[in-house]
């Protein structure tokens, strides 16, 4: 009897906490999106190719890109409605996926970007069978899982093109599972999510980026899909646990999604069994991974690893407001961070952090242009094609500038539609509950990069969530019009 009373009391307390967390999450996301929209309508957050962030006033092309995106979206919705009446929509989507793959294949052939920066280091280590460039992994051991994955792919086919084709497959999976997440949350089939994904410019162009962003986005998307299923079977729980671990070791920022999973399972589902399985699996997999890591990164090389304080101190770089400027050091300590805070003072710190978050969330292109076409160096491509000369120079390429504006236009429209979807509260409790999982992930990313060093590509993994929320906003607009 006493035990039952305790359980009942705990459930009431959790319900109250859940209501408070839901209200806070909704207000936080709405405030964030409103700030993004108001800011982007006046100020253009840009990435300069001297590798630093900056701000510019908007010009006519910024507003024209928004108009073009809106017209394109109206056209997509119209085509979708028309095709649903005329032909089998599933056959049409399959044809679109096939066409998308062909277009990506041609894009990779005509823009054969060489790996650079971290991409180049990882590929060189993988191609050398871990015999060359190991100093990089000693400094950045978090990139060992990606290096092992690339090594495996390059063993099968020793060309970077194979990894890029893998990116295309990951893209298609991201788009498909985003659609499945929408169906799980809103309990209805809506293939507009697929169309938003297939027409996303950053998603299309990012396949030239041989790094962890795409595979991390794919894993987080699948994790969210499994977690939002109505009923979790044993195989779902097992897969969820494994993928939660893998997305974490691919990018340690994945711990944010694991925390979001925990909050969702406790506050929304009261499902402690699944949470325990995730935690136990996470611990076991980490224990198994540690010996593997020691094979490639010996104990006597750990002194070369950059500490977390090095990343935080870059995140407190006042000149470039937290942008990743490459000034890593093994010497930074927590005391240095405290001293930096004291030197800056409260006002300068608040200004720095707000400026940093504002740029991160309003840049709007995820620096896609850089990772799709390169940084403008003469030897950026493996070979010359009919297109390379038109996209080489970031300052003078009309194609690059046009795509940059269009990506910003797409981003503004996505955020606007997402905001509309959030403002109007859901009538169905289950929908509201499940959608909160997406909010937890967004808020977690915002909080993490408040302190960490930034690049706008770091929030690329939220793109599928924006599609889902945007389609919800579209549906609410359609209902209002009717």
Protein backbone atom coordinates (compact mmCIF):
# COMPACT_ATOMS: atom_id res chain seq x y z
CA UNK A 1 0.00 0.00 0.00
CA UNK A 2 2.80 2.41 0.98
CA UNK A 3 4.72 1.50 -2.19
CA UNK A 4 1.66 2.19 -4.34
CA UNK A 5 1.20 5.61 -2.67
CA UNK A 6 4.85 6.49 -3.35
CA UNK A 7 4.50 5.47 -7.01
CA UNK A 8 1.29 7.48 -7.36
CA UNK A 9 2.85 10.55 -5.70
CA UNK A 10 5.92 10.26 -7.98
CA UNK A 11 3.70 10.11 -11.07
CA UNK A 12 1.86 13.29 -10.01
CA UNK A 13 5.18 15.07 -9.42
CA UNK A 14 6.53 13.92 -12.78
CA UNK A 15 3.36 15.14 -14.49
CA UNK A 16 3.81 18.60 -12.98
CA UNK A 17 7.47 18.66 -14.01
CA UNK A 18 6.48 17.53 -17.51
CA UNK A 19 3.96 20.38 -17.85
CA UNK A 20 6.57 22.93 -16.76
CA UNK A 21 9.23 21.48 -19.09
CA UNK A 22 6.77 21.47 -22.00
CA UNK A 23 5.82 25.12 -21.45
CA UNK A 24 9.46 26.16 -21.08
CA UNK A 25 10.50 24.18 -24.20
CA UNK A 26 7.75 25.66 -26.32
CA UNK A 27 8.43 29.25 -25.20
CA UNK A 28 12.19 28.77 -25.64
CA UNK A 29 11.88 27.38 -29.20
CA UNK A 30 9.35 30.05 -30.19
CA UNK A 31 11.62 32.80 -28.83
CA UNK A 32 14.63 31.30 -30.64
CA UNK A 33 12.80 31.06 -33.96
CA UNK A 34 11.34 34.58 -33.67
CA UNK A 35 14.83 35.97 -32.98
CA UNK A 36 16.21 34.05 -35.98
CA UNK A 37 13.51 35.43 -38.27
CA UNK A 38 13.69 39.03 -37.07
CA UNK A 39 17.47 38.94 -37.27
CA UNK A 40 17.68 37.36 -40.73
CA UNK A 41 15.21 39.86 -42.16
CA UNK A 42 17.67 42.68 -41.32
CA UNK A 43 21.19 41.28 -40.92
CA UNK A 44 22.96 38.70 -43.06
CA UNK A 45 25.26 36.40 -41.03
CA UNK A 46 28.04 35.33 -43.38
CA UNK A 47 31.11 33.13 -43.48
CA UNK A 48 34.20 34.85 -44.86
CA UNK A 49 36.80 32.78 -46.69
CA UNK A 50 39.59 34.10 -44.50
CA UNK A 51 37.89 31.58 -42.19
CA UNK A 52 35.93 33.82 -39.88
CA UNK A 53 32.31 34.84 -39.28
CA UNK A 54 30.91 38.27 -40.03
CA UNK A 55 27.71 40.29 -40.38
CA UNK A 56 26.41 42.32 -43.33
CA UNK A 57 23.26 44.26 -44.02
CA UNK A 58 20.76 42.44 -46.23
CA UNK A 59 20.41 43.37 -49.88
CA UNK A 60 17.71 42.83 -52.48
CA UNK A 61 18.95 39.31 -53.23
CA UNK A 62 18.26 38.17 -49.67
CA UNK A 63 14.60 39.16 -49.99
CA UNK A 64 14.33 37.85 -53.57
CA UNK A 65 15.58 34.44 -52.42
CA UNK A 66 12.78 34.29 -49.82
CA UNK A 67 10.22 35.12 -52.52
CA UNK A 68 11.66 32.45 -54.86
CA UNK A 69 11.57 29.86 -52.07
CA UNK A 70 7.93 30.65 -51.24
CA UNK A 71 6.91 30.39 -54.92
CA UNK A 72 8.85 27.12 -55.24
CA UNK A 73 7.16 25.72 -52.13
CA UNK A 74 3.70 26.64 -53.41
CA UNK A 75 4.58 24.89 -56.68
CA UNK A 76 5.77 21.76 -54.81
CA UNK A 77 2.54 21.61 -52.78
CA UNK A 78 0.47 22.07 -55.95
CA UNK A 79 2.39 19.35 -57.80
CA UNK A 80 2.01 17.03 -54.80
CA UNK A 81 -1.78 17.50 -54.73
CA UNK A 82 -2.03 17.05 -58.50
CA UNK A 83 0.09 13.89 -58.61
CA UNK A 84 -1.84 12.29 -55.72
CA UNK A 85 -4.96 12.46 -57.87
CA UNK A 86 -3.39 11.35 -61.15
CA UNK A 87 -0.83 8.63 -60.41
CA UNK A 88 0.41 6.33 -57.66
CA UNK A 89 2.26 8.62 -55.26
CA UNK A 90 4.57 5.84 -54.02
CA UNK A 91 5.77 5.13 -57.57
CA UNK A 92 6.35 8.84 -58.08
CA UNK A 93 8.42 9.12 -54.86
CA UNK A 94 10.48 6.07 -55.86
CA UNK A 95 11.16 7.71 -59.22
CA UNK A 96 12.17 10.92 -57.43
CA UNK A 97 14.58 9.03 -55.15
CA UNK A 98 16.14 7.35 -58.19
CA UNK A 99 16.44 10.67 -60.01
CA UNK A 100 17.95 12.25 -56.88
CA UNK A 101 20.61 9.53 -56.72
CA UNK A 102 21.51 10.08 -60.38
CA UNK A 103 21.74 13.86 -59.88
CA UNK A 104 23.98 13.37 -56.84
CA UNK A 105 26.19 10.98 -58.82
CA UNK A 106 26.57 13.56 -61.61
CA UNK A 107 27.24 16.35 -59.10
CA UNK A 108 30.04 14.33 -57.48
CA UNK A 109 31.55 13.56 -60.89
CA UNK A 110 31.41 17.16 -62.10
CA UNK A 111 32.56 18.69 -58.77
CA UNK A 112 35.30 16.26 -57.65
CA UNK A 113 36.29 18.13 -54.50
CA UNK A 114 39.44 16.92 -52.77
CA UNK A 115 39.23 16.36 -49.01
CA UNK A 116 40.76 19.20 -47.00
CA UNK A 117 41.23 20.18 -43.36
CA UNK A 118 39.99 17.43 -40.98
CA UNK A 119 38.61 15.48 -43.93
CA UNK A 120 42.08 15.23 -45.49
CA UNK A 121 43.71 14.12 -42.24
CA UNK A 122 41.19 11.33 -41.69
CA UNK A 123 41.38 10.08 -45.28
CA UNK A 124 45.19 10.09 -45.25
CA UNK A 125 45.29 8.01 -42.07
CA UNK A 126 42.70 5.56 -43.48
CA UNK A 127 44.48 5.21 -46.84
CA UNK A 128 47.82 4.57 -45.12
CA UNK A 129 46.35 1.77 -42.98
CA UNK A 130 47.08 3.85 -39.86
CA UNK A 131 50.78 4.08 -40.71
CA UNK A 132 50.90 7.81 -41.55
CA UNK A 133 49.39 10.94 -40.01
CA UNK A 134 48.67 9.30 -36.65
CA UNK A 135 49.64 12.52 -34.85
CA UNK A 136 46.27 13.88 -35.97
CA UNK A 137 44.39 11.06 -34.21
CA UNK A 138 46.52 11.51 -31.11
CA UNK A 139 45.39 15.14 -31.01
CA UNK A 140 41.77 14.43 -32.01
CA UNK A 141 40.95 10.87 -30.82
CA UNK A 142 37.21 11.52 -31.21
CA UNK A 143 37.72 11.11 -34.95
CA UNK A 144 38.95 7.51 -34.60
CA UNK A 145 35.49 5.95 -35.30
CA UNK A 146 35.15 7.92 -38.56
CA UNK A 147 38.69 6.98 -39.56
CA UNK A 148 37.95 3.29 -38.93
CA UNK A 149 34.74 3.55 -40.97
CA UNK A 150 36.53 5.26 -43.87
CA UNK A 151 39.34 2.70 -43.66
CA UNK A 152 36.78 -0.10 -44.05
CA UNK A 153 35.08 1.60 -47.03
CA UNK A 154 38.42 2.36 -48.71
CA UNK A 155 39.46 -1.28 -48.28
CA UNK A 156 36.44 -2.27 -50.36
CA UNK A 157 36.98 0.48 -52.95
CA UNK A 158 40.12 2.64 -52.50
CA UNK A 159 38.64 5.89 -53.81
CA UNK A 160 37.19 8.79 -51.82
CA UNK A 161 34.30 8.71 -54.30
CA UNK A 162 33.06 5.55 -52.51
CA UNK A 163 32.68 7.50 -49.24
CA UNK A 164 30.81 10.26 -51.07
CA UNK A 165 28.42 7.73 -52.60
CA UNK A 166 27.88 6.46 -49.06
CA UNK A 167 26.90 10.03 -48.16
CA UNK A 168 24.25 9.94 -50.90
CA UNK A 169 22.77 6.73 -49.45
CA UNK A 170 22.80 8.34 -45.98
CA UNK A 171 20.98 11.36 -47.42
CA UNK A 172 18.22 9.19 -48.81
CA UNK A 173 17.89 7.42 -45.45
CA UNK A 174 17.75 10.78 -43.63
CA UNK A 175 14.96 11.98 -45.93
CA UNK A 176 13.02 8.70 -45.64
CA UNK A 177 13.23 8.46 -41.84
CA UNK A 178 12.31 12.15 -41.45
CA UNK A 179 9.10 11.28 -43.27
CA UNK A 180 8.59 8.27 -40.96
CA UNK A 181 9.14 10.47 -37.88
CA UNK A 182 6.43 12.84 -39.11
CA UNK A 183 4.07 9.89 -39.53
CA UNK A 184 4.92 8.64 -36.02
CA UNK A 185 4.32 12.01 -34.39
CA UNK A 186 1.24 13.22 -36.24
CA UNK A 187 -0.28 9.79 -36.90
CA UNK A 188 -0.84 10.50 -40.61
CA UNK A 189 0.97 10.01 -43.89
CA UNK A 190 2.39 13.19 -45.43
CA UNK A 191 4.95 12.86 -48.20
CA UNK A 192 5.60 16.62 -48.26
CA UNK A 193 8.41 15.86 -45.78
CA UNK A 194 10.05 13.75 -48.50
CA UNK A 195 9.70 16.58 -51.01
CA UNK A 196 11.20 19.12 -48.60
CA UNK A 197 14.15 16.79 -48.05
CA UNK A 198 14.66 16.08 -51.73
CA UNK A 199 14.64 19.81 -52.57
CA UNK A 200 16.92 20.86 -49.69
CA UNK A 201 19.99 22.51 -51.22
CA UNK A 202 22.32 21.97 -48.22
CA UNK A 203 21.33 18.30 -48.03
CA UNK A 204 22.07 17.82 -51.73
CA UNK A 205 25.42 19.62 -51.77
CA UNK A 206 26.81 18.28 -48.50
CA UNK A 207 27.64 14.86 -49.97
CA UNK A 208 31.02 16.29 -51.04
CA UNK A 209 31.87 16.71 -47.36
CA UNK A 210 33.81 13.62 -46.29
CA UNK A 211 33.39 13.92 -42.54
CA UNK A 212 30.98 12.97 -39.74
CA UNK A 213 28.06 15.40 -40.26
CA UNK A 214 25.97 13.31 -42.66
CA UNK A 215 26.35 9.95 -40.93
CA UNK A 216 25.71 11.60 -37.54
CA UNK A 217 22.52 13.18 -38.91
CA UNK A 218 21.43 9.82 -40.32
CA UNK A 219 21.98 8.05 -36.99
CA UNK A 220 20.19 10.72 -34.93
CA UNK A 221 17.27 10.67 -37.37
CA UNK A 222 16.90 6.89 -37.09
CA UNK A 223 17.18 7.06 -33.28
CA UNK A 224 14.37 9.65 -33.15
CA UNK A 225 12.29 7.53 -35.55
CA UNK A 226 12.58 4.44 -33.33
CA UNK A 227 11.91 6.41 -30.17
CA UNK A 228 8.73 7.98 -31.60
CA UNK A 229 7.21 4.64 -32.57
CA UNK A 230 3.93 3.90 -30.79
CA UNK A 231 5.19 0.66 -29.34
CA UNK A 232 8.80 -0.43 -28.84
CA UNK A 233 9.48 -4.11 -29.37
CA UNK A 234 12.59 -5.82 -28.03
CA UNK A 235 14.41 -5.50 -31.37
CA UNK A 236 13.56 -1.78 -31.44
CA UNK A 237 14.99 -1.29 -27.95
CA UNK A 238 18.17 -3.17 -28.89
CA UNK A 239 18.65 -1.17 -32.10
CA UNK A 240 17.83 2.10 -30.34
CA UNK A 241 20.47 1.38 -27.69
CA UNK A 242 23.18 0.50 -30.21
CA UNK A 243 22.48 3.45 -32.51
CA UNK A 244 22.42 5.82 -29.52
CA UNK A 245 25.95 4.69 -28.70
CA UNK A 246 27.17 4.87 -32.31
CA UNK A 247 25.86 8.39 -32.88
CA UNK A 248 27.67 9.38 -29.67
CA UNK A 249 31.08 8.01 -30.68
CA UNK A 250 30.73 9.44 -34.20
CA UNK A 251 30.22 12.87 -32.60
CA UNK A 252 30.37 13.15 -28.79
CA UNK A 253 27.82 15.99 -28.98
CA UNK A 254 25.44 13.05 -29.47
CA UNK A 255 25.28 12.87 -25.67
CA UNK A 256 22.67 15.63 -26.03
CA UNK A 257 20.34 13.27 -27.89
CA UNK A 258 20.88 10.58 -25.24
CA UNK A 259 19.90 13.11 -22.54
CA UNK A 260 16.85 14.07 -24.65
CA UNK A 261 15.94 10.38 -24.92
CA UNK A 262 16.14 10.04 -21.14
CA UNK A 263 13.92 13.08 -20.56
CA UNK A 264 11.41 11.80 -23.13
CA UNK A 265 11.28 8.30 -21.67
CA UNK A 266 10.88 9.56 -18.09
CA UNK A 267 8.57 12.55 -18.58
CA UNK A 268 6.48 11.34 -21.51
CA UNK A 269 6.52 7.56 -21.42
CA UNK A 270 7.43 6.71 -17.80
CA UNK A 271 9.40 3.91 -19.45
CA UNK A 272 12.35 3.26 -17.17
CA UNK A 273 12.99 -0.18 -18.67
CA UNK A 274 14.03 1.21 -22.07
CA UNK A 275 16.12 3.94 -20.42
CA UNK A 276 17.97 1.38 -18.30
CA UNK A 277 18.67 -0.75 -21.39
CA UNK A 278 20.05 2.32 -23.23
CA UNK A 279 22.29 3.27 -20.30
CA UNK A 280 23.55 -0.30 -19.73
CA UNK A 281 24.21 -0.79 -23.46
CA UNK A 282 26.01 2.56 -23.56
CA UNK A 283 28.28 1.54 -20.66
CA UNK A 284 28.99 -1.94 -22.08
CA UNK A 285 29.76 -0.59 -25.57
CA UNK A 286 32.07 2.05 -24.07
CA UNK A 287 33.90 -0.63 -22.12
CA UNK A 288 34.33 -2.65 -25.33
CA UNK A 289 35.41 0.44 -27.30
CA UNK A 290 38.12 1.54 -24.84
CA UNK A 291 40.49 -1.43 -25.58
CA UNK A 292 39.99 -0.85 -29.35
CA UNK A 293 40.82 2.83 -28.89
CA UNK A 294 44.01 1.95 -26.99
CA UNK A 295 45.24 -0.10 -29.95
CA UNK A 296 45.37 3.01 -32.13
CA UNK A 297 45.94 5.66 -29.46
CA UNK A 298 48.49 4.38 -26.91
CA UNK A 299 48.56 5.72 -23.35
CA UNK A 300 51.93 7.41 -23.93
CA UNK A 301 50.35 9.60 -26.66
CA UNK A 302 47.45 10.91 -24.58
CA UNK A 303 49.41 14.02 -23.64
CA UNK A 304 48.98 15.18 -27.26
CA UNK A 305 45.18 15.18 -27.00
CA UNK A 306 43.47 18.57 -26.89
CA UNK A 307 41.56 18.92 -23.59
CA UNK A 308 37.95 20.12 -23.55
CA UNK A 309 39.20 23.43 -22.17
CA UNK A 310 40.92 24.08 -25.49
CA UNK A 311 37.55 23.91 -27.30
CA UNK A 312 35.87 26.08 -24.67
CA UNK A 313 38.58 28.74 -24.84
CA UNK A 314 38.07 28.95 -28.61
CA UNK A 315 34.37 29.29 -27.86
CA UNK A 316 35.30 32.36 -25.81
CA UNK A 317 37.34 33.96 -28.59
CA UNK A 318 36.02 37.53 -28.52
CA UNK A 319 37.41 38.65 -31.90
CA UNK A 320 35.62 35.90 -33.86
CA UNK A 321 32.90 35.37 -31.19
CA UNK A 322 33.57 31.71 -30.56
CA UNK A 323 34.21 30.62 -34.15
CA UNK A 324 36.55 27.66 -34.55
CA UNK A 325 39.80 29.46 -35.40
CA UNK A 326 42.15 26.48 -35.01
CA UNK A 327 43.97 27.89 -31.98
CA UNK A 328 43.95 24.58 -30.13
CA UNK A 329 46.45 23.89 -27.37
CA UNK A 330 47.21 21.06 -24.95
CA UNK A 331 48.12 23.63 -22.30
CA UNK A 332 44.66 25.05 -21.56
CA UNK A 333 43.12 24.22 -18.18
CA UNK A 334 39.93 25.02 -16.25
CA UNK A 335 41.85 27.73 -14.36
CA UNK A 336 42.66 29.43 -17.67
CA UNK A 337 38.96 29.46 -18.56
CA UNK A 338 38.06 30.99 -15.20
CA UNK A 339 40.73 33.66 -15.68
CA UNK A 340 39.43 34.36 -19.21
CA UNK A 341 35.93 34.88 -17.77
CA UNK A 342 37.28 37.27 -15.16
CA UNK A 343 39.22 39.24 -17.79
CA UNK A 344 36.19 39.59 -20.06
CA UNK A 345 33.70 40.47 -17.34
CA UNK A 346 29.97 39.76 -17.31
CA UNK A 347 28.92 42.32 -19.94
CA UNK A 348 31.52 41.28 -22.52
CA UNK A 349 30.81 37.59 -21.85
CA UNK A 350 27.06 38.04 -22.39
CA UNK A 351 27.71 40.05 -25.57
CA UNK A 352 30.13 37.38 -26.81
CA UNK A 353 27.77 34.46 -26.15
CA UNK A 354 24.72 36.20 -27.66
CA UNK A 355 26.67 37.24 -30.75
CA UNK A 356 28.01 33.70 -31.09
CA UNK A 357 24.60 32.00 -30.82
CA UNK A 358 23.02 34.58 -33.11
CA UNK A 359 25.55 33.91 -35.88
CA UNK A 360 25.34 30.13 -35.44
CA UNK A 361 21.54 30.03 -35.78
CA UNK A 362 21.15 32.72 -38.48
CA UNK A 363 24.00 31.85 -40.87
CA UNK A 364 21.44 29.66 -42.59
CA UNK A 365 23.64 27.70 -45.02
CA UNK A 366 25.58 25.44 -42.60
CA UNK A 367 28.67 26.64 -44.53
CA UNK A 368 27.55 24.30 -47.30
CA UNK A 369 29.25 26.34 -50.00
CA UNK A 370 32.69 25.72 -48.43
CA UNK A 371 32.17 21.97 -48.04
CA UNK A 372 30.49 21.52 -51.42
CA UNK A 373 32.92 23.50 -53.62
CA UNK A 374 36.02 24.06 -51.50
CA UNK A 375 37.80 27.03 -49.95
CA UNK A 376 38.89 28.58 -53.26
CA UNK A 377 42.35 27.01 -53.55
CA UNK A 378 43.62 26.31 -57.06
CA UNK A 379 44.11 22.57 -56.46
CA UNK A 380 40.70 22.06 -54.82
CA UNK A 381 39.55 19.44 -57.34
CA UNK A 382 40.88 16.04 -58.38
CA UNK A 383 40.46 17.00 -62.05
CA UNK A 384 38.93 19.80 -64.07
CA UNK A 385 35.41 19.54 -65.48
CA UNK A 386 33.04 21.83 -67.36
CA UNK A 387 31.78 23.12 -63.99
CA UNK A 388 34.85 23.44 -61.72
CA UNK A 389 36.05 26.77 -63.12
CA UNK A 390 32.61 28.29 -62.40
CA UNK A 391 32.53 27.24 -58.74
CA UNK A 392 36.19 27.51 -57.70
CA UNK A 393 36.35 31.15 -56.60
CA UNK A 394 34.01 31.82 -53.64
CA UNK A 395 34.22 35.59 -54.06
CA UNK A 396 33.40 35.79 -57.77
CA UNK A 397 31.39 32.65 -58.56
CA UNK A 398 27.82 33.57 -59.57
CA UNK A 399 26.71 29.99 -59.00
CA UNK A 400 28.06 29.93 -55.45
CA UNK A 401 26.55 33.30 -54.58
CA UNK A 402 23.16 32.34 -56.01
CA UNK A 403 23.12 29.05 -54.09
CA UNK A 404 24.16 30.86 -50.92
CA UNK A 405 21.20 33.24 -51.19
CA UNK A 406 18.79 30.43 -52.04
CA UNK A 407 19.93 28.37 -49.04
CA UNK A 408 19.32 31.33 -46.76
CA UNK A 409 15.89 31.78 -48.33
CA UNK A 410 15.07 28.11 -47.74
CA UNK A 411 16.24 28.37 -44.13
CA UNK A 412 14.08 31.44 -43.39
CA UNK A 413 10.99 29.78 -44.88
CA UNK A 414 11.67 26.55 -42.93
CA UNK A 415 12.01 28.44 -39.65
CA UNK A 416 8.87 30.51 -40.40
CA UNK A 417 6.78 27.41 -41.10
CA UNK A 418 8.25 25.65 -38.07
CA UNK A 419 7.26 28.60 -35.88
CA UNK A 420 3.69 28.47 -37.21
CA UNK A 421 3.60 24.76 -36.42
CA UNK A 422 4.76 25.41 -32.86
CA UNK A 423 2.59 28.44 -32.01
CA UNK A 424 -0.72 26.64 -32.41
CA UNK A 425 -0.90 24.08 -29.60
CA UNK A 426 -1.72 20.50 -30.51
CA UNK A 427 -5.14 19.20 -29.48
CA UNK A 428 -3.96 15.59 -29.38
CA UNK A 429 -1.91 14.97 -26.23
CA UNK A 430 0.16 12.19 -27.86
CA UNK A 431 1.28 14.54 -30.66
CA UNK A 432 2.28 17.24 -28.18
CA UNK A 433 4.19 14.74 -26.08
CA UNK A 434 6.15 13.24 -28.96
CA UNK A 435 6.98 16.60 -30.53
CA UNK A 436 8.64 17.65 -27.27
CA UNK A 437 11.45 15.17 -28.02
CA UNK A 438 12.43 17.36 -31.00
CA UNK A 439 12.36 20.43 -28.74
CA UNK A 440 14.69 18.79 -26.21
CA UNK A 441 17.24 18.08 -28.94
CA UNK A 442 17.15 21.65 -30.32
CA UNK A 443 17.45 23.21 -26.83
CA UNK A 444 20.29 20.84 -25.95
CA UNK A 445 22.23 21.88 -29.04
CA UNK A 446 21.63 25.55 -28.26
CA UNK A 447 22.91 25.17 -24.70
CA UNK A 448 25.96 23.12 -25.72
CA UNK A 449 27.18 25.65 -28.28
CA UNK A 450 26.66 28.48 -25.84
CA UNK A 451 30.03 27.39 -24.41
CA UNK A 452 31.69 25.27 -27.14
CA UNK A 453 33.47 26.57 -30.24
CA UNK A 454 31.17 26.95 -33.25
CA UNK A 455 30.76 26.48 -36.97
CA UNK A 456 27.35 26.75 -38.57
CA UNK A 457 27.62 23.17 -39.86
CA UNK A 458 27.47 22.00 -36.24
CA UNK A 459 23.65 22.33 -36.27
CA UNK A 460 23.29 20.64 -39.68
CA UNK A 461 21.85 17.57 -37.89
CA UNK A 462 18.75 19.61 -36.96
CA UNK A 463 17.75 20.05 -40.61
CA UNK A 464 15.39 17.00 -40.64
CA UNK A 465 13.66 18.36 -37.52
CA UNK A 466 13.07 21.67 -39.32
CA UNK A 467 11.46 19.80 -42.25
CA UNK A 468 9.11 17.95 -39.89
CA UNK A 469 8.06 21.08 -38.00
CA UNK A 470 7.76 23.03 -41.27
CA UNK A 471 5.35 20.51 -42.79
CA UNK A 472 3.28 20.75 -39.59
CA UNK A 473 3.20 24.52 -40.13
CA UNK A 474 2.16 24.03 -43.75
CA UNK A 475 -0.70 21.77 -42.71
CA UNK A 476 -1.92 24.34 -40.21
CA UNK A 477 -1.84 27.06 -42.89
CA UNK A 478 -3.84 24.83 -45.22
CA UNK A 479 -6.45 24.26 -42.50
CA UNK A 480 -6.71 28.00 -41.85
CA UNK A 481 -7.20 28.70 -45.58
CA UNK A 482 -9.96 26.09 -45.78
